[in-house]
C-alpha atoms as a PDB file:
ATOM      1  CA  MET A   1       0.000   0.000   0.000  1.00  0.00           C
ATOM      2  CA  LYS A   2       1.287   3.430  -0.902  1.00  0.00           C
ATOM      3  CA  ILE A   3       0.666   5.984   1.809  1.00  0.00           C
ATOM      4  CA  ARG A   4      -0.449   8.588  -0.760  1.00  0.00           C
ATOM      5  CA  GLU A   5      -3.415   6.344  -1.629  1.00  0.00           C
ATOM      6  CA  VAL A   6      -5.006   7.219   1.704  1.00  0.00           C
ATOM      7  CA  ILE A   7      -3.775  10.737   2.529  1.00  0.00           C
ATOM      8  CA  ASP A   8      -3.254  13.911   0.535  1.00  0.00           C
ATOM      9  CA  GLU A   9      -2.755  17.634   1.090  1.00  0.00           C
ATOM     10  CA  ASN A  10      -6.498  18.072   1.741  1.00  0.00           C
ATOM     11  CA  THR A  11      -6.325  15.832   4.794  1.00  0.00           C
ATOM     12  CA  VAL A  12      -3.343  17.451   6.507  1.00  0.00           C
ATOM     13  CA  ASN A  13      -3.728  20.242   9.078  1.00  0.00           C
ATOM     14  CA  LEU A  14      -0.445  21.655  10.355  1.00  0.00           C
ATOM     15  CA  GLU A  15      -2.108  24.262  12.590  1.00  0.00           C
ATOM     16  CA  LEU A  16      -4.667  22.211  14.480  1.00  0.00           C
ATOM     17  CA  GLU A  17      -6.065  23.971  17.518  1.00  0.00           C
ATOM     18  CA  ALA A  18      -7.769  21.820  20.131  1.00  0.00           C
ATOM     19  CA  ASN A  19      -7.701  21.476  23.900  1.00  0.00           C
ATOM     20  CA  ASP A  20      -8.385  17.785  24.385  1.00  0.00           C
ATOM     21  CA  ARG A  21      -8.509  14.382  22.707  1.00  0.00           C
ATOM     22  CA  ASP A  22     -12.187  14.519  21.796  1.00  0.00           C
ATOM     23  CA  SER A  23     -11.804  17.947  20.162  1.00  0.00           C
ATOM     24  CA  VAL A  24      -8.840  16.703  18.123  1.00  0.00           C
ATOM     25  CA  ILE A  25     -10.806  13.682  16.934  1.00  0.00           C
ATOM     26  CA  ARG A  26     -13.786  15.880  16.038  1.00  0.00           C
ATOM     27  CA  GLU A  27     -11.683  18.376  14.043  1.00  0.00           C
ATOM     28  CA  LEU A  28      -9.832  15.677  12.118  1.00  0.00           C
ATOM     29  CA  ALA A  29     -13.065  13.784  11.437  1.00  0.00           C
ATOM     30  CA  LYS A  30     -14.530  16.990   9.979  1.00  0.00           C
ATOM     31  CA  MET A  31     -11.650  17.018   7.482  1.00  0.00           C
ATOM     32  CA  LEU A  32     -12.442  13.459   6.408  1.00  0.00           C
ATOM     33  CA  ASN A  33     -16.127  14.340   6.141  1.00  0.00           C
ATOM     34  CA  HIS A  34     -15.393  17.476   4.109  1.00  0.00           C
ATOM     35  CA  ASN A  35     -13.309  15.385   1.701  1.00  0.00           C
ATOM     36  CA  GLY A  36     -16.102  12.853   1.179  1.00  0.00           C
ATOM     37  CA  LEU A  37     -14.513   9.920   2.991  1.00  0.00           C
ATOM     38  CA  ILE A  38     -17.267   9.629   5.592  1.00  0.00           C
ATOM     39  CA  GLN A  39     -20.982  10.209   5.222  1.00  0.00           C
ATOM     40  CA  ASP A  40     -22.148  10.443   8.852  1.00  0.00           C
ATOM     41  CA  LEU A  41     -19.803  12.584  10.922  1.00  0.00           C
ATOM     42  CA  GLU A  42     -21.343  11.832  14.322  1.00  0.00           C
ATOM     43  CA  CYS A  43     -21.495   8.075  13.706  1.00  0.00           C
ATOM     44  CA  PHE A  44     -17.817   8.006  12.755  1.00  0.00           C
ATOM     45  CA  ILE A  45     -16.739  10.160  15.708  1.00  0.00           C
ATOM     46  CA  GLN A  46     -18.655   7.861  18.041  1.00  0.00           C
ATOM     47  CA  SER A  47     -16.846   4.802  16.628  1.00  0.00           C
ATOM     48  CA  VAL A  48     -13.475   6.464  17.244  1.00  0.00           C
ATOM     49  CA  LEU A  49     -14.376   7.485  20.801  1.00  0.00           C
ATOM     50  CA  GLU A  50     -15.669   3.983  21.551  1.00  0.00           C
ATOM     51  CA  ARG A  51     -12.344   2.584  20.343  1.00  0.00           C
ATOM     52  CA  GLU A  52     -10.504   4.994  22.656  1.00  0.00           C
ATOM     53  CA  LYS A  53     -12.519   3.677  25.622  1.00  0.00           C
ATOM     54  CA  ILE A  54     -11.296   0.150  24.880  1.00  0.00           C
ATOM     55  CA  CYS A  55      -7.639   1.129  24.700  1.00  0.00           C
ATOM     56  CA  SER A  56      -5.859   4.437  24.291  1.00  0.00           C
ATOM     57  CA  THR A  57      -4.313   5.064  20.900  1.00  0.00           C
ATOM     58  CA  TYR A  58      -1.549   7.160  22.427  1.00  0.00           C
ATOM     59  CA  SER A  59       1.738   5.826  21.146  1.00  0.00           C
ATOM     60  CA  THR A  60       4.892   7.545  22.333  1.00  0.00           C
ATOM     61  CA  SER A  61       6.881  10.590  21.371  1.00  0.00           C
ATOM     62  CA  GLU A  62       3.851  12.887  21.213  1.00  0.00           C
ATOM     63  CA  LEU A  63       2.000  10.650  18.745  1.00  0.00           C
ATOM     64  CA  ALA A  64      -1.536   9.251  18.797  1.00  0.00           C
ATOM     65  CA  VAL A  65      -3.235   7.150  16.127  1.00  0.00           C
ATOM     66  CA  PRO A  66      -6.983   7.046  16.806  1.00  0.00           C
ATOM     67  CA  HIS A  67      -9.046   5.006  14.390  1.00  0.00           C
ATOM     68  CA  GLY A  68     -12.611   4.061  13.735  1.00  0.00           C
ATOM     69  CA  ILE A  69     -14.282   1.250  11.854  1.00  0.00           C
ATOM     70  CA  SER A  70     -17.744   2.392  10.889  1.00  0.00           C
ATOM     71  CA  PRO A  71     -20.492   1.859   8.312  1.00  0.00           C
ATOM     72  CA  SER A  72     -20.372   5.632   7.787  1.00  0.00           C
ATOM     73  CA  VAL A  73     -16.920   5.377   6.146  1.00  0.00           C
ATOM     74  CA  ARG A  74     -17.253   5.464   2.349  1.00  0.00           C
ATOM     75  CA  LYS A  75     -13.574   4.869   1.613  1.00  0.00           C
ATOM     76  CA  ALA A  76     -10.598   4.035   3.820  1.00  0.00           C
ATOM     77  CA  GLY A  77      -8.611   7.135   4.548  1.00  0.00           C
ATOM     78  CA  LEU A  78      -6.161   8.872   6.786  1.00  0.00           C
ATOM     79  CA  CYS A  79      -5.672  12.423   7.976  1.00  0.00           C
ATOM     80  CA  PHE A  80      -2.995  14.152  10.019  1.00  0.00           C
ATOM     81  CA  GLY A  81      -3.036  16.997  12.476  1.00  0.00           C
ATOM     82  CA  ARG A  82      -0.119  18.822  14.060  1.00  0.00           C
ATOM     83  CA  LEU A  83      -1.365  20.579  17.161  1.00  0.00           C
ATOM     84  CA  THR A  84      -0.259  24.146  17.790  1.00  0.00           C
ATOM     85  CA  SER A  85       0.300  23.093  21.432  1.00  0.00           C
ATOM     86  CA  ALA A  86       0.628  19.603  22.857  1.00  0.00           C
ATOM     87  CA  ILE A  87      -2.419  18.257  24.687  1.00  0.00           C
ATOM     88  CA  ASP A  88      -2.815  15.628  27.412  1.00  0.00           C
ATOM     89  CA  TRP A  89      -4.278  12.764  25.332  1.00  0.00           C
ATOM     90  CA  ASP A  90      -5.529  10.506  28.129  1.00  0.00           C
ATOM     91  CA  GLY A  91      -6.140  13.145  30.795  1.00  0.00           C
ATOM     92  CA  ASP A  92      -3.498  11.609  33.053  1.00  0.00           C
ATOM     93  CA  GLN A  93      -0.787  14.269  32.665  1.00  0.00           C
ATOM     94  CA  GLU A  94       1.503  11.573  31.235  1.00  0.00           C
ATOM     95  CA  THR A  95       0.497  11.385  27.568  1.00  0.00           C
ATOM     96  CA  PRO A  96       1.476  14.588  25.754  1.00  0.00           C
ATOM     97  CA  VAL A  97       0.424  14.537  22.109  1.00  0.00           C
ATOM     98  CA  ARG A  98       1.276  16.953  19.328  1.00  0.00           C
ATOM     99  CA  TYR A  99       0.935  14.712  16.245  1.00  0.00           C
ATOM    100  CA  VAL A 100      -2.239  12.794  15.422  1.00  0.00           C
ATOM    101  CA  PHE A 101      -3.132  10.475  12.561  1.00  0.00           C
ATOM    102  CA  LEU A 102      -6.839   9.623  12.340  1.00  0.00           C
ATOM    103  CA  ILE A 103      -7.674   6.464  10.391  1.00  0.00           C
ATOM    104  CA  ALA A 104     -11.116   5.796   8.891  1.00  0.00           C
ATOM    105  CA  ILE A 105     -11.971   2.237   7.878  1.00  0.00           C
ATOM    106  CA  PRO A 106     -15.257   1.058   6.354  1.00  0.00           C
ATOM    107  CA  GLN A 107     -17.030  -1.580   8.414  1.00  0.00           C
ATOM    108  CA  ALA A 108     -16.731  -4.899   6.601  1.00  0.00           C
ATOM    109  CA  GLU A 109     -16.028  -8.511   7.250  1.00  0.00           C
ATOM    110  CA  ASP A 110     -13.765  -8.602   4.226  1.00  0.00           C
ATOM    111  CA  GLU A 111     -10.256  -9.640   5.201  1.00  0.00           C
ATOM    112  CA  ALA A 112      -8.778  -7.270   2.600  1.00  0.00           C
ATOM    113  CA  VAL A 113     -10.351  -4.292   4.400  1.00  0.00           C
ATOM    114  CA  ILE A 114      -8.936  -5.441   7.718  1.00  0.00           C
ATOM    115  CA  ASN A 115      -5.512  -5.912   6.123  1.00  0.00           C
ATOM    116  CA  ARG A 116      -5.667  -2.380   4.684  1.00  0.00           C
ATOM    117  CA  HIS A 117      -6.304  -1.049   8.190  1.00  0.00           C
ATOM    118  CA  LEU A 118      -3.256  -2.894   9.483  1.00  0.00           C
ATOM    119  CA  GLU A 119      -1.151  -1.658   6.551  1.00  0.00           C
ATOM    120  CA  MET A 120      -2.065   1.955   7.347  1.00  0.00           C
ATOM    121  CA  ILE A 121      -1.102   1.538  10.991  1.00  0.00           C
ATOM    122  CA  SER A 122       2.133  -0.164   9.955  1.00  0.00           C
ATOM    123  CA  SER A 123       3.012   2.656   7.532  1.00  0.00           C
ATOM    124  CA  ILE A 124       2.418   5.243  10.250  1.00  0.00           C
ATOM    125  CA  ALA A 125       4.582   3.289  12.684  1.00  0.00           C
ATOM    126  CA  VAL A 126       7.398   3.045  10.150  1.00  0.00           C
ATOM    127  CA  SER A 127       7.191   6.794   9.531  1.00  0.00           C
ATOM    128  CA  ALA A 128       7.122   7.665  13.227  1.00  0.00           C
ATOM    129  CA  LEU A 129      10.102   5.435  13.954  1.00  0.00           C
ATOM    130  CA  GLN A 130      12.126   6.870  11.088  1.00  0.00           C
ATOM    131  CA  GLU A 131      15.049   8.795  12.520  1.00  0.00           C
ATOM    132  CA  ASP A 132      14.247  12.486  12.945  1.00  0.00           C
ATOM    133  CA  ASN A 133      10.765  12.237  11.411  1.00  0.00           C
ATOM    134  CA  LEU A 134       8.966  13.596  14.474  1.00  0.00           C
ATOM    135  CA  GLU A 135      11.382  16.505  14.495  1.00  0.00           C
ATOM    136  CA  LYS A 136      10.727  17.064  10.780  1.00  0.00           C
ATOM    137  CA  TRP A 137       6.954  16.981  11.378  1.00  0.00           C
ATOM    138  CA  GLY A 138       7.404  19.794  13.888  1.00  0.00           C
ATOM    139  CA  LYS A 139       9.185  21.943  11.314  1.00  0.00           C
ATOM    140  CA  VAL A 140       7.439  21.273   7.996  1.00  0.00           C
ATOM    141  CA  LYS A 141       5.870  24.369   6.456  1.00  0.00           C
ATOM    142  CA  ASP A 142       3.156  22.835   4.277  1.00  0.00           C
ATOM    143  CA  ALA A 143       1.225  19.665   3.544  1.00  0.00           C
ATOM    144  CA  GLU A 144       3.390  18.613   0.592  1.00  0.00           C
ATOM    145  CA  GLU A 145       6.543  18.848   2.685  1.00  0.00           C
ATOM    146  CA  PHE A 146       4.857  16.741   5.385  1.00  0.00           C
ATOM    147  CA  LEU A 147       3.679  14.142   2.854  1.00  0.00           C
ATOM    148  CA  ALA A 148       7.220  13.885   1.492  1.00  0.00           C
ATOM    149  CA  THR A 149       8.403  12.720   4.933  1.00  0.00           C
ATOM    150  CA  LEU A 150       5.861   9.890   4.819  1.00  0.00           C
ATOM    151  CA  GLU A 151       6.931   8.828   1.344  1.00  0.00           C
ATOM    152  CA  THR A 152      10.587   8.789   2.309  1.00  0.00           C
ATOM    153  CA  ALA A 153       9.937   6.702   5.413  1.00  0.00           C
ATOM    154  CA  ASP A 154       7.559   4.371   3.608  1.00  0.00           C
ATOM    155  CA  GLY A 155      10.092   3.853   0.848  1.00  0.00           C
ATOM    156  CA  ARG A 156       7.249   3.206  -1.555  1.00  0.00           C
ATOM    157  CA  GLY A 157       5.556   6.607  -1.738  1.00  0.00           C
END
């Protein structure tokens, strides 16, 4: 899977302003909705928040990867937000987050759909673990520059 199949400059926000996890999820979900990837904003947001209740999607190094599997998702997609100020993701004062990828997956029993979900998470992990990528994400000036960091880390573009 090429990362550019699921994210583009229209689903990148490098100046995301939000005060908490739920606000971040809502703002990023609005981007997916605006770009036609989801048809029922509230249904999708609810699926993401339910997933967060099961297990936090906070990773490390100021990164969170919330995701939702919902019948309201028209097409699998991904968006990215760089917060203007780090937030406390889990409300425990121990999970600072500045970078968030939100993944939208259509609800299906098809194994290919499930595999695509796992491929997206894997691609994000590879990018986040790439030396200096988090530092680059903090400095990029525009969406294309950000997307270039994903392509370089993915090695497949």
